[in-house]
Amino acid sequence: MTRLQKFVEQGTDVEPGRTAYAFSQDKLPPPGENLEWNAVPSFNAGDEVLRNPDLKDLFMTAITEGVAILAPPTAEGAVIGGGLSKSER
C-alpha cells in the first residue's frame, strides 16, 4: 500500500499502546509486551490533519524517516524528535 497508514498497539485486557504512522507494517518497531500492531483501515491522513493540524509534523517524520511513533496518551512526553518515544531511543 502506498499511502500513509495508522497502526495502534492493542492486546487483550491491556490498554492500547503506542500509535504509529508508516507506509507499511514492516517499518514498525516490535510491539510492546502482550500487544500487537493493528492497522486502522478507516484512517485518512488528510482528514486527520484537518481535524488536528499538529499532526502535520508527525506525518512529515513518517514520510522522511519511514515511521513516526506517538506514545500512549498517558505516557510522559508524547513525541520525541524523530517520532520515537524516550523508551525507544
Protein backbone atom coordinates (compact mmCIF):
# COMPACT_ATOMS: atom_id res chain seq x y z
CA MET A 1 0.00 0.00 0.00
CA THR A 2 1.45 3.38 -0.93
CA ARG A 3 -0.47 5.65 1.40
CA LEU A 4 0.33 6.65 4.96
CA GLN A 5 -1.29 4.20 7.36
CA LYS A 6 -2.11 4.35 11.05
CA PHE A 7 -1.32 1.43 13.36
CA VAL A 8 -2.23 1.03 17.02
CA GLU A 9 -0.70 -1.37 19.54
CA GLN A 10 -3.51 -3.42 21.01
CA GLY A 11 -3.89 -6.51 23.14
CA THR A 12 -6.46 -8.32 25.19
CA ASP A 13 -7.03 -6.99 28.71
CA VAL A 14 -4.43 -4.26 28.10
CA GLU A 15 -4.83 -0.55 27.47
CA PRO A 16 -3.94 0.47 23.90
CA GLY A 17 -0.26 1.25 23.46
CA ARG A 18 1.56 3.47 21.01
CA THR A 19 0.22 4.79 17.72
CA ALA A 20 2.43 4.56 14.65
CA TYR A 21 2.21 6.15 11.22
CA ALA A 22 4.03 4.37 8.38
CA PHE A 23 3.64 3.34 4.76
CA SER A 24 3.92 -0.37 5.62
CA GLN A 25 3.76 -2.56 8.69
CA ASP A 26 7.33 -3.83 8.15
CA LYS A 27 8.63 -0.35 9.15
CA LEU A 28 7.15 -0.66 12.65
CA PRO A 29 9.25 -1.46 15.71
CA PRO A 30 8.41 -4.62 17.65
CA PRO A 31 5.16 -4.22 19.61
CA GLY A 32 5.16 -3.93 23.38
CA GLU A 33 4.70 -6.93 25.63
CA ASN A 34 1.32 -8.67 25.13
CA LEU A 35 0.48 -6.22 22.30
CA GLU A 36 0.34 -6.40 18.53
CA TRP A 37 0.20 -3.77 15.82
CA ASN A 38 -3.22 -3.39 14.19
CA ALA A 39 -3.93 -1.24 11.15
CA VAL A 40 -6.74 1.31 11.37
CA PRO A 41 -8.49 0.82 8.00
CA SER A 42 -10.65 3.95 8.28
CA PHE A 43 -7.61 6.24 8.71
CA ASN A 44 -7.33 9.11 6.22
CA ALA A 45 -4.27 11.36 6.67
CA GLY A 46 -5.93 14.37 5.03
CA ASP A 47 -8.99 14.18 7.26
CA GLU A 48 -6.81 13.76 10.36
CA VAL A 49 -4.70 16.84 9.55
CA LEU A 50 -7.84 18.90 9.02
CA ARG A 51 -9.08 17.81 12.46
CA ASN A 52 -5.69 18.22 14.14
CA PRO A 53 -3.12 20.39 12.29
CA ASP A 54 -0.46 19.45 14.87
CA LEU A 55 -0.23 16.02 13.21
CA LYS A 56 1.41 17.55 10.12
CA ASP A 57 4.91 17.43 11.66
CA LEU A 58 4.39 13.86 12.82
CA PHE A 59 3.26 12.82 9.34
CA MET A 60 6.31 14.54 7.82
CA THR A 61 8.51 12.47 10.15
CA ALA A 62 6.79 9.30 8.93
CA ILE A 63 7.36 10.34 5.32
CA THR A 64 11.04 11.21 5.74
CA GLU A 65 12.06 8.52 8.25
CA GLY A 66 9.69 5.71 7.32
CA VAL A 67 7.79 5.67 10.60
CA ALA A 68 6.65 8.03 13.35
CA ILE A 69 5.67 6.74 16.76
CA LEU A 70 3.31 8.51 19.13
CA ALA A 71 3.48 7.38 22.76
CA PRO A 72 0.23 6.44 24.52
CA PRO A 73 -1.71 9.47 25.79
CA THR A 74 -0.94 8.52 29.40
CA ALA A 75 2.84 8.40 28.83
CA GLU A 76 5.08 11.37 29.54
CA GLY A 77 6.36 13.31 26.54
CA ALA A 78 4.08 12.07 23.77
CA VAL A 79 6.59 12.53 20.94
CA ILE A 80 10.34 12.92 20.94
CA GLY A 81 12.39 14.04 17.89
CA GLY A 82 12.18 11.56 15.04
CA GLY A 83 8.85 10.33 16.30
CA LEU A 84 10.40 7.93 18.81
CA SER A 85 9.40 7.83 22.44
CA LYS A 86 12.15 8.02 25.05
CA SER A 87 11.96 4.28 25.71
CA GLU A 88 12.71 3.53 22.03
CA ARG A 89 15.85 5.66 21.80
